[in-house]
């Protein structure tokens, strides 16, 4: 029977409450307040494991987020006092809090010190409030910044993930790459980026479920002898879905983003995103091929507590025409 600590349950609820306050606020000050509540709720979740690596990750995350919140608060003060719209400063602070390039330097190192569950929260829930607030800053002043940050995130995530052997850092660069796609989706339509982040969250849950249940932290752990063949095949499908290959679930939102960018005339932007997706697919395939083909006793992970039950949740990646496409028209 799964026992959840009351303290962790409380902080999880306040984490969601902070996100809801930010995305439903009527002023930037309330949005900042929701982000702070979200931050102060996430720190205890990170430090719950009583590990020095988790404590280090929590301290780094707090400093980075506090710096971003300070920039946001200064921007809001300028907005109230001088009646000037400092959307560029607001955009910069939100990019820092979200972990998009060129302010992405903290994300891989912090995720390396977290548990898989906290990595999943950081890749999905923690991006919702900044993305909603970023969509409010879209104007002529920040239009070029949207393109620049999206292109730079796509390039840096592709190059940064090529030489990574730690799976949590690999997922961090994958998250940066998907952030680039989300920014492109925001510039197209609201419904498109909502559809993208929901689909990305489902796929991320599938990947993290496999990694967490099999205690995989390094690429060599994928050659574990005792891992079930079903989990290896589902990992293969899930990573391809994360990369956006048809006929898996992740293909649909990326195709929609490219279609909207081409229809809007952003051909170079669409080309760079597509090429970066090919680079990320390379290290997804490297992980998937390693899990399927290599099988060496020297790299066997001798841990008796590994859960080898089939991960049926990963079969959602086979659903190309998800009901989300009906509920949220593109």
Protein backbone atom coordinates (compact mmCIF):
# COMPACT_ATOMS: atom_id res chain seq x y z
CA UNK A 1 0.00 0.00 0.00
CA UNK A 2 1.35 3.40 -1.01
CA UNK A 3 1.74 5.75 1.98
CA UNK A 4 2.06 9.44 1.19
CA UNK A 5 3.50 11.81 3.75
CA UNK A 6 1.00 14.53 4.81
CA UNK A 7 3.71 17.15 4.43
CA UNK A 8 4.50 16.08 0.86
CA UNK A 9 0.79 16.00 0.06
CA UNK A 10 0.41 19.54 1.43
CA UNK A 11 3.37 20.86 -0.57
CA UNK A 12 2.07 19.13 -3.71
CA UNK A 13 -1.29 20.84 -3.30
CA UNK A 14 0.30 24.26 -2.72
CA UNK A 15 2.52 23.62 -5.76
CA UNK A 16 -0.57 23.21 -7.91
CA UNK A 17 -2.23 26.16 -6.18
CA UNK A 18 0.72 28.41 -7.00
CA UNK A 19 0.51 27.43 -10.67
CA UNK A 20 -3.25 28.06 -10.74
CA UNK A 21 -2.82 31.47 -9.07
CA UNK A 22 -0.22 32.49 -11.65
CA UNK A 23 -2.18 31.44 -14.73
CA UNK A 24 -5.48 32.93 -13.46
CA UNK A 25 -4.13 36.17 -12.00
CA UNK A 26 -5.38 39.52 -13.20
CA UNK A 27 -2.13 41.38 -12.45
CA UNK A 28 1.58 40.74 -12.69
CA UNK A 29 1.97 41.07 -8.92
CA UNK A 30 -0.44 38.18 -8.31
CA UNK A 31 1.37 36.19 -10.99
CA UNK A 32 4.66 36.79 -9.16
CA UNK A 33 3.00 35.74 -5.90
CA UNK A 34 1.84 32.47 -7.46
CA UNK A 35 5.32 31.76 -8.82
CA UNK A 36 6.80 32.30 -5.35
CA UNK A 37 4.27 29.94 -3.78
CA UNK A 38 5.13 27.41 -6.47
CA UNK A 39 8.85 27.79 -5.75
CA UNK A 40 8.55 27.48 -1.97
CA UNK A 41 6.39 24.37 -2.40
CA UNK A 42 8.78 22.64 -4.80
CA UNK A 43 11.89 23.03 -2.59
CA UNK A 44 10.63 20.64 0.16
CA UNK A 45 9.69 18.09 -2.51
CA UNK A 46 13.26 18.16 -3.83
CA UNK A 47 14.85 17.80 -0.37
CA UNK A 48 12.49 15.02 0.75
CA UNK A 49 15.05 12.29 -0.06
CA UNK A 50 17.63 13.52 2.48
CA UNK A 51 20.46 13.23 -0.02
CA UNK A 52 23.33 15.73 -0.35
CA UNK A 53 22.78 15.79 -4.11
CA UNK A 54 19.12 16.69 -3.62
CA UNK A 55 20.05 19.42 -1.12
CA UNK A 56 22.56 20.87 -3.57
CA UNK A 57 20.00 20.78 -6.38
CA UNK A 58 17.41 22.46 -4.15
CA UNK A 59 19.82 25.25 -3.19
CA UNK A 60 20.82 25.88 -6.82
CA UNK A 61 17.19 25.84 -7.92
CA UNK A 62 16.23 28.31 -5.17
CA UNK A 63 19.00 30.76 -6.10
CA UNK A 64 18.18 30.68 -9.81
CA UNK A 65 14.44 31.03 -9.26
CA UNK A 66 14.94 33.79 -6.68
CA UNK A 67 17.06 35.73 -9.18
CA UNK A 68 14.37 35.32 -11.84
CA UNK A 69 11.68 36.40 -9.37
CA UNK A 70 13.72 39.48 -8.46
CA UNK A 71 13.93 40.50 -12.12
CA UNK A 72 10.18 39.92 -12.51
CA UNK A 73 9.38 41.97 -9.39
CA UNK A 74 11.57 44.85 -10.59
CA UNK A 75 9.81 44.72 -13.96
CA UNK A 76 6.40 44.81 -12.29
CA UNK A 77 7.51 47.77 -10.15
CA UNK A 78 8.62 49.64 -13.28
CA UNK A 79 5.24 48.86 -14.82
CA UNK A 80 3.35 50.35 -11.87
CA UNK A 81 5.59 53.37 -11.19
CA UNK A 82 6.61 54.60 -14.63
CA UNK A 83 3.64 53.40 -16.72
CA UNK A 84 6.07 51.78 -19.14
CA UNK A 85 5.61 48.23 -20.35
CA UNK A 86 8.92 46.41 -19.61
CA UNK A 87 7.89 43.26 -21.47
CA UNK A 88 11.45 42.45 -22.48
CA UNK A 89 12.54 42.29 -18.82
CA UNK A 90 9.48 40.22 -17.94
CA UNK A 91 10.17 37.89 -20.86
CA UNK A 92 13.82 37.48 -19.75
CA UNK A 93 12.87 36.63 -16.17
CA UNK A 94 10.33 34.03 -17.30
CA UNK A 95 12.82 32.46 -19.72
CA UNK A 96 15.28 32.13 -16.83
CA UNK A 97 12.67 30.55 -14.57
CA UNK A 98 11.61 28.12 -17.30
CA UNK A 99 15.13 27.09 -18.32
CA UNK A 100 15.13 28.03 -22.00
CA UNK A 101 18.35 28.90 -23.86
CA UNK A 102 20.47 30.96 -23.52
CA UNK A 103 19.51 30.91 -19.80
CA UNK A 104 19.35 27.12 -19.64
CA UNK A 105 22.69 26.51 -17.92
CA UNK A 106 21.14 25.53 -14.58
CA UNK A 107 18.61 22.94 -15.77
CA UNK A 108 20.83 19.90 -16.61
CA UNK A 109 22.95 20.16 -13.44
CA UNK A 110 19.93 20.60 -11.17
CA UNK A 111 18.00 17.72 -12.74
CA UNK A 112 21.05 15.50 -12.27
CA UNK A 113 20.67 15.86 -8.49
CA UNK A 114 16.91 15.22 -8.36
CA UNK A 115 14.81 12.09 -8.20
CA UNK A 116 12.92 11.02 -11.32
CA UNK A 117 9.60 12.19 -9.90
CA UNK A 118 10.94 15.69 -9.22
CA UNK A 119 12.51 15.73 -12.68
CA UNK A 120 9.09 14.98 -14.12
CA UNK A 121 7.54 17.86 -12.14
CA UNK A 122 10.30 20.21 -13.28
CA UNK A 123 9.86 19.21 -16.94
CA UNK A 124 6.07 19.53 -16.98
CA UNK A 125 4.19 21.30 -14.18
CA UNK A 126 6.91 23.88 -13.51
CA UNK A 127 6.78 25.03 -17.13
CA UNK A 128 3.04 25.74 -17.22
CA UNK A 129 2.94 29.05 -15.32
CA UNK A 130 5.97 30.63 -17.09
CA UNK A 131 4.61 29.58 -20.49
CA UNK A 132 1.19 31.09 -19.78
CA UNK A 133 2.79 34.34 -18.62
CA UNK A 134 5.16 34.38 -21.59
CA UNK A 135 2.19 34.13 -23.93
CA UNK A 136 0.91 37.39 -22.41
CA UNK A 137 4.13 39.20 -23.36
CA UNK A 138 3.87 38.39 -27.07
CA UNK A 139 3.95 41.70 -28.98
CA UNK A 140 6.07 43.52 -31.55
CA UNK A 141 8.78 44.21 -28.93
CA UNK A 142 9.21 40.58 -27.95
CA UNK A 143 8.44 38.94 -31.30
CA UNK A 144 12.09 38.73 -32.32
CA UNK A 145 12.95 37.41 -28.84
CA UNK A 146 10.46 34.57 -29.26
CA UNK A 147 12.17 33.51 -32.47
CA UNK A 148 15.69 33.94 -31.07
CA UNK A 149 15.07 32.02 -27.85
CA UNK A 150 13.24 29.24 -29.68
CA UNK A 151 16.01 28.84 -32.29
CA UNK A 152 18.79 29.02 -29.70
CA UNK A 153 17.03 26.50 -27.45
CA UNK A 154 16.63 24.10 -30.37
CA UNK A 155 20.31 24.35 -31.34
CA UNK A 156 21.75 24.19 -27.81
CA UNK A 157 19.57 21.26 -26.76
CA UNK A 158 20.57 19.29 -29.84
CA UNK A 159 24.29 19.90 -29.41
CA UNK A 160 24.26 19.63 -25.61
CA UNK A 161 22.59 16.24 -25.55
CA UNK A 162 24.94 14.55 -28.02
CA UNK A 163 27.70 13.73 -25.52
CA UNK A 164 25.48 12.99 -22.51
CA UNK A 165 25.47 9.56 -20.91
CA UNK A 166 23.45 10.46 -17.82
CA UNK A 167 19.77 9.94 -18.51
CA UNK A 168 18.54 12.82 -16.33
CA UNK A 169 20.78 15.30 -18.14
CA UNK A 170 19.61 13.80 -21.43
CA UNK A 171 16.00 14.42 -20.42
CA UNK A 172 16.93 17.96 -19.38
CA UNK A 173 18.23 18.78 -22.86
CA UNK A 174 15.17 17.08 -24.30
CA UNK A 175 13.02 19.40 -22.18
CA UNK A 176 14.91 22.43 -23.51
CA UNK A 177 14.28 21.25 -27.05
CA UNK A 178 10.55 20.87 -26.41
CA UNK A 179 10.54 24.35 -24.86
CA UNK A 180 11.68 25.65 -28.24
CA UNK A 181 8.72 23.94 -29.89
CA UNK A 182 6.34 25.32 -27.24
CA UNK A 183 7.54 28.88 -27.87
CA UNK A 184 6.92 28.35 -31.57
CA UNK A 185 3.46 27.01 -30.74
CA UNK A 186 2.71 30.05 -28.54
CA UNK A 187 3.51 32.36 -31.44
CA UNK A 188 0.96 30.47 -33.56
CA UNK A 189 -2.07 29.91 -31.32
CA UNK A 190 -3.02 29.31 -27.70
CA UNK A 191 -4.79 26.02 -28.34
CA UNK A 192 -1.76 24.64 -30.17
CA UNK A 193 0.71 25.10 -27.32
CA UNK A 194 -1.81 23.76 -24.78
CA UNK A 195 -2.17 20.66 -26.95
CA UNK A 196 1.63 20.42 -27.22
CA UNK A 197 2.35 20.64 -23.48
CA UNK A 198 -0.40 18.14 -22.64
CA UNK A 199 0.96 15.67 -25.16
CA UNK A 200 4.53 16.26 -23.97
CA UNK A 201 3.45 15.69 -20.36
CA UNK A 202 1.86 12.35 -21.23
CA UNK A 203 4.97 11.18 -23.07
CA UNK A 204 7.25 12.39 -20.25
CA UNK A 205 5.21 10.42 -17.72
CA UNK A 206 5.71 7.32 -19.87
CA UNK A 207 9.49 7.78 -20.10
CA UNK A 208 10.02 8.66 -16.45
CA UNK A 209 7.84 5.71 -15.35
CA UNK A 210 10.18 3.27 -17.10
CA UNK A 211 13.35 4.97 -15.88
CA UNK A 212 12.10 5.25 -12.31
CA UNK A 213 10.77 1.70 -11.97
CA UNK A 214 14.01 0.23 -13.35
CA UNK A 215 16.24 2.69 -11.44
CA UNK A 216 18.00 3.82 -14.59
CA UNK A 217 20.35 6.76 -14.15
CA UNK A 218 23.08 6.08 -16.73
CA UNK A 219 22.93 4.86 -20.29
CA UNK A 220 24.79 1.66 -19.28
CA UNK A 221 21.85 0.74 -17.01
CA UNK A 222 19.78 0.21 -20.15
CA UNK A 223 21.67 -3.05 -20.75
CA UNK A 224 20.28 -4.55 -17.55
CA UNK A 225 19.80 -8.31 -18.01
CA UNK A 226 16.75 -8.54 -15.77
CA UNK A 227 14.70 -5.86 -17.48
CA UNK A 228 11.60 -7.32 -19.11
CA UNK A 229 11.41 -7.39 -22.94
CA UNK A 230 8.05 -5.65 -22.79
CA UNK A 231 9.56 -2.67 -20.96
CA UNK A 232 12.42 -2.51 -23.46
CA UNK A 233 10.01 -2.39 -26.39
CA UNK A 234 7.80 0.22 -24.70
CA UNK A 235 10.89 2.32 -23.91
CA UNK A 236 11.80 2.13 -27.59
CA UNK A 237 8.31 3.32 -28.61
CA UNK A 238 8.19 6.03 -25.95
CA UNK A 239 11.52 7.56 -26.95
CA UNK A 240 10.45 7.60 -30.60
CA UNK A 241 7.22 9.27 -29.55
CA UNK A 242 9.23 11.87 -27.61
CA UNK A 243 11.24 12.51 -30.75
CA UNK A 244 8.11 13.01 -32.82
CA UNK A 245 8.22 10.04 -35.17
CA UNK A 246 4.99 8.80 -36.75
CA UNK A 247 2.81 6.91 -35.99
CA UNK A 248 3.40 7.70 -32.34
CA UNK A 249 1.67 10.30 -30.23
CA UNK A 250 4.46 12.91 -30.27
CA UNK A 251 4.28 13.30 -34.05
CA UNK A 252 0.94 15.14 -34.10
CA UNK A 253 1.82 18.33 -32.14
CA UNK A 254 5.15 18.76 -33.94
CA UNK A 255 3.47 18.40 -37.32
CA UNK A 256 0.89 21.00 -36.25
CA UNK A 257 3.60 23.45 -35.16
CA UNK A 258 5.51 23.06 -38.44
CA UNK A 259 2.29 23.50 -40.44
CA UNK A 260 1.41 26.71 -38.59
CA UNK A 261 4.93 28.12 -38.95
CA UNK A 262 5.00 27.41 -42.70
CA UNK A 263 1.55 28.95 -43.17
CA UNK A 264 2.75 32.05 -41.28
CA UNK A 265 5.84 32.35 -43.48
CA UNK A 266 8.46 31.33 -40.87
CA UNK A 267 10.24 28.88 -43.15
CA UNK A 268 13.72 29.24 -41.59
CA UNK A 269 12.29 28.86 -38.08
CA UNK A 270 10.45 25.68 -39.08
CA UNK A 271 13.59 24.32 -40.80
CA UNK A 272 15.79 24.88 -37.71
CA UNK A 273 13.25 23.22 -35.42
CA UNK A 274 12.98 20.26 -37.76
CA UNK A 275 16.74 19.82 -38.00
CA UNK A 276 17.09 20.06 -34.21
CA UNK A 277 14.43 17.36 -33.88
CA UNK A 278 16.60 15.12 -36.06
CA UNK A 279 19.58 15.73 -33.75
CA UNK A 280 17.54 14.89 -30.66
CA UNK A 281 16.22 11.78 -32.41
CA UNK A 282 19.82 10.65 -32.75
CA UNK A 283 20.39 10.42 -29.02
CA UNK A 284 16.90 9.01 -28.44
CA UNK A 285 17.76 6.24 -30.91
CA UNK A 286 21.11 5.73 -29.18
CA UNK A 287 19.31 5.15 -25.88
CA UNK A 288 16.67 2.92 -27.46
CA UNK A 289 19.15 0.79 -29.43
CA UNK A 290 21.28 0.37 -26.31
CA UNK A 291 18.29 -0.93 -24.35
CA UNK A 292 17.28 -3.36 -27.10
CA UNK A 293 20.53 -4.78 -28.43
CA UNK A 294 23.28 -4.61 -25.80
CA UNK A 295 23.19 -7.21 -23.04
CA UNK A 296 26.38 -7.58 -21.02
CA UNK A 297 26.85 -9.07 -17.51
CA UNK A 298 29.58 -6.48 -16.87
CA UNK A 299 27.03 -3.70 -17.00
CA UNK A 300 24.29 -5.64 -15.25
CA UNK A 301 22.63 -3.64 -12.51
CA UNK A 302 22.43 -6.05 -9.59
CA UNK A 303 19.58 -4.45 -7.68
CA UNK A 304 16.89 -6.73 -6.31
CA UNK A 305 14.36 -3.99 -5.66
CA UNK A 306 13.80 -3.14 -9.33
CA UNK A 307 10.18 -3.35 -10.40
CA UNK A 308 9.80 -5.26 -13.67
CA UNK A 309 6.04 -5.13 -14.07
CA UNK A 310 4.79 -4.12 -17.52
CA UNK A 311 4.29 -0.39 -17.96
CA UNK A 312 0.94 -0.28 -19.70
CA UNK A 313 0.81 3.51 -19.42
CA UNK A 314 3.47 3.71 -22.12
CA UNK A 315 1.09 2.22 -24.68
CA UNK A 316 -0.57 5.64 -24.87
CA UNK A 317 2.24 6.62 -27.22
CA UNK A 318 0.61 4.46 -29.89
CA UNK A 319 -2.49 6.64 -29.89
CA UNK A 320 -1.83 9.09 -32.68
CA UNK A 321 -5.33 10.52 -32.85
CA UNK A 322 -5.62 11.30 -29.13
CA UNK A 323 -8.97 12.67 -27.94
CA UNK A 324 -7.09 15.87 -27.10
CA UNK A 325 -7.22 16.73 -30.78
CA UNK A 326 -11.01 16.71 -30.54
CA UNK A 327 -11.21 18.58 -27.27
CA UNK A 328 -8.66 21.22 -28.28
CA UNK A 329 -8.95 22.06 -32.00
CA UNK A 330 -5.69 23.16 -33.60
